[in-house]
Amino acid sequence: MRDERQTPAESDDCEGFGSPPAAAAAAASPQGALDWVHAIIRAGRFLSASARPSQ
């Protein structure tokens, strides 16, 4: 069975990017990596649209 604990260096690498298992799964599959990229792009578009003053 795999040890799920992380060293301090590993936990720093994943900080702010979701759960480490999800990040590892995305890195292991090209489709998962693309899903992460598309989610980040959608979030950026949403934030930039919501930051504009309403007219």
Protein backbone atom coordinates (compact mmCIF):
# COMPACT_ATOMS: atom_id res chain seq x y z
CA MET A 1 0.00 0.00 0.00
CA ARG A 2 1.24 3.47 -0.87
CA ASP A 3 2.13 6.01 1.82
CA GLU A 4 -0.10 9.07 1.29
CA ARG A 5 1.96 11.45 3.44
CA GLN A 6 4.05 14.07 1.70
CA THR A 7 7.39 15.62 2.46
CA PRO A 8 7.37 19.42 2.97
CA ALA A 9 8.89 19.95 -0.49
CA GLU A 10 6.12 17.93 -2.18
CA SER A 11 3.33 19.72 -0.32
CA ASP A 12 4.74 23.13 -1.33
CA ASP A 13 4.69 22.15 -5.01
CA CYS A 14 0.97 21.37 -4.96
CA GLU A 15 -0.16 24.27 -2.80
CA GLY A 16 -2.91 26.31 -4.46
CA PHE A 17 -3.55 23.86 -7.30
CA GLY A 18 -6.25 21.68 -5.79
CA SER A 19 -5.75 18.37 -4.07
CA PRO A 20 -2.47 16.55 -4.78
CA PRO A 21 -4.24 13.35 -5.99
CA ALA A 22 -6.18 15.39 -8.57
CA ALA A 23 -3.02 17.17 -9.70
CA ALA A 24 -1.21 13.84 -10.01
CA ALA A 25 -4.07 12.35 -12.03
CA ALA A 26 -4.08 15.35 -14.37
CA ALA A 27 -0.33 15.11 -14.88
CA ALA A 28 -0.61 11.38 -15.63
CA SER A 29 -3.15 11.78 -18.43
CA PRO A 30 -3.02 14.30 -21.30
CA GLN A 31 -6.82 14.67 -21.27
CA GLY A 32 -6.78 15.43 -17.56
CA ALA A 33 -4.12 18.09 -18.11
CA LEU A 34 -6.23 19.68 -20.86
CA ASP A 35 -9.27 19.70 -18.55
CA TRP A 36 -7.23 21.62 -15.96
CA VAL A 37 -6.04 24.12 -18.59
CA HIS A 38 -9.58 24.70 -19.87
CA ALA A 39 -10.90 25.14 -16.33
CA ILE A 40 -8.23 27.75 -15.59
CA ILE A 41 -8.99 29.61 -18.84
CA ARG A 42 -12.74 29.62 -18.08
CA ALA A 43 -12.06 30.91 -14.56
CA GLY A 44 -9.84 33.69 -15.93
CA ARG A 45 -12.47 34.76 -18.47
CA PHE A 46 -15.15 34.77 -15.78
CA LEU A 47 -13.01 36.84 -13.41
CA SER A 48 -12.03 39.35 -16.09
CA ALA A 49 -15.67 39.73 -17.17
CA SER A 50 -16.87 40.18 -13.60
CA ALA A 51 -14.14 42.77 -12.92
CA ARG A 52 -15.42 45.09 -15.67
CA PRO A 53 -17.80 47.82 -14.54
CA SER A 54 -21.41 47.12 -15.44
CA GLN A 55 -22.93 49.46 -17.99
